[in-house]
Amino acid sequence: MNALRNKVQLIGRLGQDPKIITFDEGKSKVNFSVATNESYRDNEGDKVERTQWHEIVAWGPLSDIMGQYLKKGSEVAIEGRLHYRTYDDKEGNTRYVTEIVAKDLLMLDKKPAEV
C-alpha cells in the first residue's frame, strides 16, 4: 500500500529568500514559499493564468542546503508531504496552516557561467 501515502511534488519558484532558524541543540529549520502557475481557457475562450502559493518547511541537513543555495526566484522541484496545524493568534483566533514538509529537493536553475 505504499502507493496510497501522503506525497506532494511541486515545481515552482521561491517567493522570498529562505528563513533559517537554528535551535540551541543545533537542529535547523527553514521556511519559504513557492509559487506554482497554471493556465487554462475559460468558457469564453479567454486565457486565464493563476498563481498559487505553497508554504514549505524543511528540517536538518536539507534545511541547511536550502538556506545556503536557494534565494528568491530560484526554480526548484520539491517532494514532501502535506502537514496541517493550528495555532491561536494574539487576538485568540484559531488559525489554520497547510504546509509542505520537504523531504527532497532538486535545484532547477542553470549554473551561472564562470567568468
Protein backbone atom coordinates (compact mmCIF):
# COMPACT_ATOMS: atom_id res chain seq x y z
CA MET A 1 0.00 0.00 0.00
CA ASN A 2 2.94 2.38 -0.44
CA ALA A 3 1.10 3.95 -3.39
CA LEU A 4 -1.50 5.41 -1.01
CA ARG A 5 0.71 7.68 1.05
CA ASN A 6 0.82 11.40 1.74
CA LYS A 7 3.05 12.69 -1.08
CA VAL A 8 3.35 16.06 -2.80
CA GLN A 9 5.53 17.08 -5.76
CA LEU A 10 5.87 20.71 -6.84
CA ILE A 11 7.87 22.66 -9.36
CA GLY A 12 7.93 26.40 -8.82
CA ARG A 13 9.87 29.49 -7.85
CA LEU A 14 10.71 30.84 -4.40
CA GLY A 15 8.75 33.93 -3.41
CA GLN A 16 11.36 35.11 -0.91
CA ASP A 17 14.73 34.14 0.49
CA PRO A 18 14.54 31.15 2.86
CA LYS A 19 14.23 31.98 6.56
CA ILE A 20 16.61 29.82 8.59
CA ILE A 21 16.19 29.10 12.30
CA THR A 22 18.88 27.27 14.28
CA PHE A 23 17.83 25.87 17.64
CA ASP A 24 20.02 25.62 20.75
CA GLU A 25 20.55 21.89 20.28
CA GLY A 26 21.95 22.54 16.79
CA LYS A 27 18.89 21.43 14.81
CA SER A 28 17.90 23.74 11.95
CA LYS A 29 14.65 24.59 10.20
CA VAL A 30 13.94 26.59 7.04
CA ASN A 31 10.70 28.20 5.80
CA PHE A 32 9.84 29.76 2.45
CA SER A 33 7.02 29.93 -0.07
CA VAL A 34 6.93 28.54 -3.60
CA ALA A 35 4.72 29.83 -6.40
CA THR A 36 3.24 27.48 -8.99
CA ASN A 37 1.45 28.69 -12.11
CA GLU A 38 -1.26 27.18 -14.23
CA SER A 39 -3.15 28.47 -17.25
CA TYR A 40 -6.39 27.42 -18.88
CA ARG A 41 -9.13 28.75 -21.13
CA ASP A 42 -12.41 29.85 -19.56
CA ASN A 43 -15.90 29.34 -21.06
CA GLU A 44 -15.45 32.39 -23.32
CA GLY A 45 -12.13 31.06 -24.64
CA ASP A 46 -10.03 33.64 -22.82
CA LYS A 47 -6.73 32.51 -21.36
CA VAL A 48 -6.68 32.61 -17.55
CA GLU A 49 -3.47 32.35 -15.55
CA ARG A 50 -3.48 31.51 -11.88
CA THR A 51 -0.65 31.53 -9.34
CA GLN A 52 -0.86 29.55 -6.12
CA TRP A 53 1.47 29.89 -3.15
CA HIS A 54 2.66 26.94 -1.08
CA GLU A 55 4.38 27.17 2.30
CA ILE A 56 7.45 24.93 2.55
CA VAL A 57 9.25 23.79 5.70
CA ALA A 58 12.36 21.60 5.94
CA TRP A 59 14.46 20.30 8.83
CA GLY A 60 18.03 19.14 9.41
CA PRO A 61 20.65 18.82 6.66
CA LEU A 62 18.11 19.57 3.89
CA SER A 63 17.27 22.89 5.56
CA ASP A 64 20.99 23.77 5.66
CA ILE A 65 21.32 23.11 1.91
CA MET A 66 18.18 25.10 1.12
CA GLY A 67 19.32 28.02 3.26
CA GLN A 68 22.75 28.08 1.65
CA TYR A 69 21.88 27.68 -2.04
CA LEU A 70 18.33 28.95 -2.59
CA LYS A 71 17.22 32.56 -2.96
CA LYS A 72 14.17 34.49 -4.08
CA GLY A 73 13.32 33.49 -7.66
CA SER A 74 15.16 30.14 -7.56
CA GLU A 75 13.36 27.41 -9.52
CA VAL A 76 13.03 24.17 -7.55
CA ALA A 77 11.35 20.78 -7.61
CA ILE A 78 10.29 19.72 -4.12
CA GLU A 79 8.93 16.42 -2.90
CA GLY A 80 7.41 16.08 0.54
CA ARG A 81 4.20 15.58 2.46
CA LEU A 82 1.25 17.73 3.44
CA HIS A 83 1.07 18.81 7.07
CA TYR A 84 -1.83 20.63 8.74
CA ARG A 85 -1.54 22.53 12.01
CA THR A 86 -3.45 25.12 14.01
CA TYR A 87 -2.48 27.87 16.40
CA ASP A 88 -4.16 30.74 18.26
CA ASP A 89 -3.10 34.24 17.23
CA LYS A 90 -2.66 37.22 19.58
CA GLU A 91 -6.38 38.03 19.39
CA GLY A 92 -7.32 34.46 20.35
CA ASN A 93 -8.49 33.46 16.85
CA THR A 94 -7.69 29.95 15.68
CA ARG A 95 -5.54 29.96 12.54
CA TYR A 96 -5.14 27.00 10.21
CA VAL A 97 -1.90 26.37 8.33
CA THR A 98 -1.26 23.95 5.48
CA GLU A 99 2.39 23.42 4.69
CA ILE A 100 4.57 21.01 2.77
CA VAL A 101 7.29 19.31 4.79
CA ALA A 102 10.08 18.87 2.25
CA LYS A 103 11.87 15.55 2.01
CA ASP A 104 13.78 16.00 -1.25
CA LEU A 105 14.97 18.92 -3.37
CA LEU A 106 16.12 19.38 -6.94
CA MET A 107 17.53 22.80 -7.89
CA LEU A 108 16.46 23.58 -11.45
CA ASP A 109 18.29 26.84 -12.11
CA LYS A 110 21.10 26.67 -14.60
CA LYS A 111 24.59 27.03 -13.23
CA PRO A 112 25.86 30.60 -13.75
CA ALA A 113 28.53 30.93 -16.41
CA GLU A 114 32.01 31.20 -14.97
CA VAL A 115 33.92 34.37 -15.78
